[in-house]
Amino acid sequence: MHDSNICVFPLHRRRTLVESIAQALENKNGEAASAFWRCAAKKMLIQLSDVGIAPEFAAQEVGRLLHAVLDDMANRTVMHIA
């Protein structure tokens, strides 16, 4: 039996992934943070491509992941200040 439909759990909903990237970025500044994100994003794009996700959808998914990471960082900052 061959299943041509591939279902990938959205990256931005993977709590452990979002939190681990957010924590790593919080420990970096400037170019180090940018380089870390570029490397992580590239890995995600490759993984999504490997499972058959079209490049434009993969890019959208990585973009949603970035927003989730930034939201996580912002929420953590607010909770830390409060």
C-alpha atoms as a PDB file:
ATOM      1  CA  MET A   1       0.000   0.000   0.000  1.00  0.00           C
ATOM      2  CA  HIS A   2       1.376   3.384  -1.006  1.00  0.00           C
ATOM      3  CA  ASP A   3       0.281   6.564   0.707  1.00  0.00           C
ATOM      4  CA  SER A   4       1.030   9.634  -1.370  1.00  0.00           C
ATOM      5  CA  ASN A   5      -0.296  12.013   1.281  1.00  0.00           C
ATOM      6  CA  ILE A   6       2.377  13.173   3.674  1.00  0.00           C
ATOM      7  CA  CYS A   7       1.292  14.774   6.921  1.00  0.00           C
ATOM      8  CA  VAL A   8       3.932  16.638   8.864  1.00  0.00           C
ATOM      9  CA  PHE A   9       3.195  17.981  12.317  1.00  0.00           C
ATOM     10  CA  PRO A  10       3.728  21.744  12.003  1.00  0.00           C
ATOM     11  CA  LEU A  11       7.116  22.902  13.248  1.00  0.00           C
ATOM     12  CA  HIS A  12       5.636  25.872  15.096  1.00  0.00           C
ATOM     13  CA  ARG A  13       3.504  23.499  17.188  1.00  0.00           C
ATOM     14  CA  ARG A  14       6.455  21.386  18.318  1.00  0.00           C
ATOM     15  CA  ARG A  15       6.857  22.886  21.804  1.00  0.00           C
ATOM     16  CA  THR A  16      10.207  21.273  22.533  1.00  0.00           C
ATOM     17  CA  LEU A  17      11.639  22.482  19.224  1.00  0.00           C
ATOM     18  CA  VAL A  18      10.324  26.033  19.696  1.00  0.00           C
ATOM     19  CA  GLU A  19      11.578  26.238  23.276  1.00  0.00           C
ATOM     20  CA  SER A  20      15.012  24.791  22.489  1.00  0.00           C
ATOM     21  CA  ILE A  21      15.595  27.258  19.652  1.00  0.00           C
ATOM     22  CA  ALA A  22      14.310  30.148  21.788  1.00  0.00           C
ATOM     23  CA  GLN A  23      16.631  29.213  24.643  1.00  0.00           C
ATOM     24  CA  ALA A  24      19.606  28.898  22.302  1.00  0.00           C
ATOM     25  CA  LEU A  25      18.873  32.298  20.755  1.00  0.00           C
ATOM     26  CA  GLU A  26      18.525  33.916  24.178  1.00  0.00           C
ATOM     27  CA  ASN A  27      22.105  32.893  24.904  1.00  0.00           C
ATOM     28  CA  LYS A  28      23.451  34.495  21.718  1.00  0.00           C
ATOM     29  CA  ASN A  29      23.682  38.050  20.446  1.00  0.00           C
ATOM     30  CA  GLY A  30      24.032  39.782  17.105  1.00  0.00           C
ATOM     31  CA  GLU A  31      25.699  37.784  14.361  1.00  0.00           C
ATOM     32  CA  ALA A  32      25.992  34.660  16.519  1.00  0.00           C
ATOM     33  CA  ALA A  33      22.201  34.612  16.952  1.00  0.00           C
ATOM     34  CA  SER A  34      21.643  35.268  13.246  1.00  0.00           C
ATOM     35  CA  ALA A  35      24.078  32.532  12.253  1.00  0.00           C
ATOM     36  CA  PHE A  36      22.430  30.065  14.631  1.00  0.00           C
ATOM     37  CA  TRP A  37      18.973  30.818  13.209  1.00  0.00           C
ATOM     38  CA  ARG A  38      20.183  30.574   9.592  1.00  0.00           C
ATOM     39  CA  CYS A  39      21.729  27.171  10.330  1.00  0.00           C
ATOM     40  CA  ALA A  40      18.599  25.913  12.122  1.00  0.00           C
ATOM     41  CA  ALA A  41      16.328  27.210   9.350  1.00  0.00           C
ATOM     42  CA  LYS A  42      18.458  25.576   6.669  1.00  0.00           C
ATOM     43  CA  LYS A  43      18.307  22.232   8.496  1.00  0.00           C
ATOM     44  CA  MET A  44      14.513  22.517   8.772  1.00  0.00           C
ATOM     45  CA  LEU A  45      14.176  23.361   5.081  1.00  0.00           C
ATOM     46  CA  ILE A  46      16.281  20.334   4.155  1.00  0.00           C
ATOM     47  CA  GLN A  47      14.265  18.044   6.442  1.00  0.00           C
ATOM     48  CA  LEU A  48      10.966  19.295   5.002  1.00  0.00           C
ATOM     49  CA  SER A  49      12.268  18.915   1.461  1.00  0.00           C
ATOM     50  CA  ASP A  50      13.415  15.373   2.254  1.00  0.00           C
ATOM     51  CA  VAL A  51       9.858  14.382   3.192  1.00  0.00           C
ATOM     52  CA  GLY A  52       8.429  15.903   0.028  1.00  0.00           C
ATOM     53  CA  ILE A  53       7.254  19.335   1.132  1.00  0.00           C
ATOM     54  CA  ALA A  54       7.355  21.867  -1.706  1.00  0.00           C
ATOM     55  CA  PRO A  55       9.951  24.652  -1.231  1.00  0.00           C
ATOM     56  CA  GLU A  56       7.376  27.450  -0.918  1.00  0.00           C
ATOM     57  CA  PHE A  57       5.433  25.558   1.757  1.00  0.00           C
ATOM     58  CA  ALA A  58       8.634  24.626   3.560  1.00  0.00           C
ATOM     59  CA  ALA A  59       9.659  28.290   3.638  1.00  0.00           C
ATOM     60  CA  GLN A  60       6.246  29.255   5.032  1.00  0.00           C
ATOM     61  CA  GLU A  61       6.543  26.579   7.704  1.00  0.00           C
ATOM     62  CA  VAL A  62      10.000  27.786   8.745  1.00  0.00           C
ATOM     63  CA  GLY A  63       8.640  31.342   8.850  1.00  0.00           C
ATOM     64  CA  ARG A  64       5.851  30.222  11.190  1.00  0.00           C
ATOM     65  CA  LEU A  65       8.472  28.488  13.320  1.00  0.00           C
ATOM     66  CA  LEU A  66      10.450  31.724  13.602  1.00  0.00           C
ATOM     67  CA  HIS A  67       7.326  33.601  14.718  1.00  0.00           C
ATOM     68  CA  ALA A  68       6.612  30.922  17.334  1.00  0.00           C
ATOM     69  CA  VAL A  69      10.201  31.160  18.594  1.00  0.00           C
ATOM     70  CA  LEU A  70      10.025  34.954  18.809  1.00  0.00           C
ATOM     71  CA  ASP A  71       6.663  34.757  20.599  1.00  0.00           C
ATOM     72  CA  ASP A  72       8.119  32.245  23.051  1.00  0.00           C
ATOM     73  CA  MET A  73      11.069  34.537  23.729  1.00  0.00           C
ATOM     74  CA  ALA A  74       8.775  37.544  24.216  1.00  0.00           C
ATOM     75  CA  ASN A  75       6.485  35.612  26.573  1.00  0.00           C
ATOM     76  CA  ARG A  76       9.443  34.400  28.594  1.00  0.00           C
ATOM     77  CA  THR A  77      10.758  37.967  28.878  1.00  0.00           C
ATOM     78  CA  VAL A  78       7.381  39.248  30.056  1.00  0.00           C
ATOM     79  CA  MET A  79       7.069  36.452  32.607  1.00  0.00           C
ATOM     80  CA  HIS A  80      10.623  37.116  33.817  1.00  0.00           C
ATOM     81  CA  ILE A  81       9.936  40.846  34.276  1.00  0.00           C
ATOM     82  CA  ALA A  82       6.558  40.356  36.001  1.00  0.00           C
END
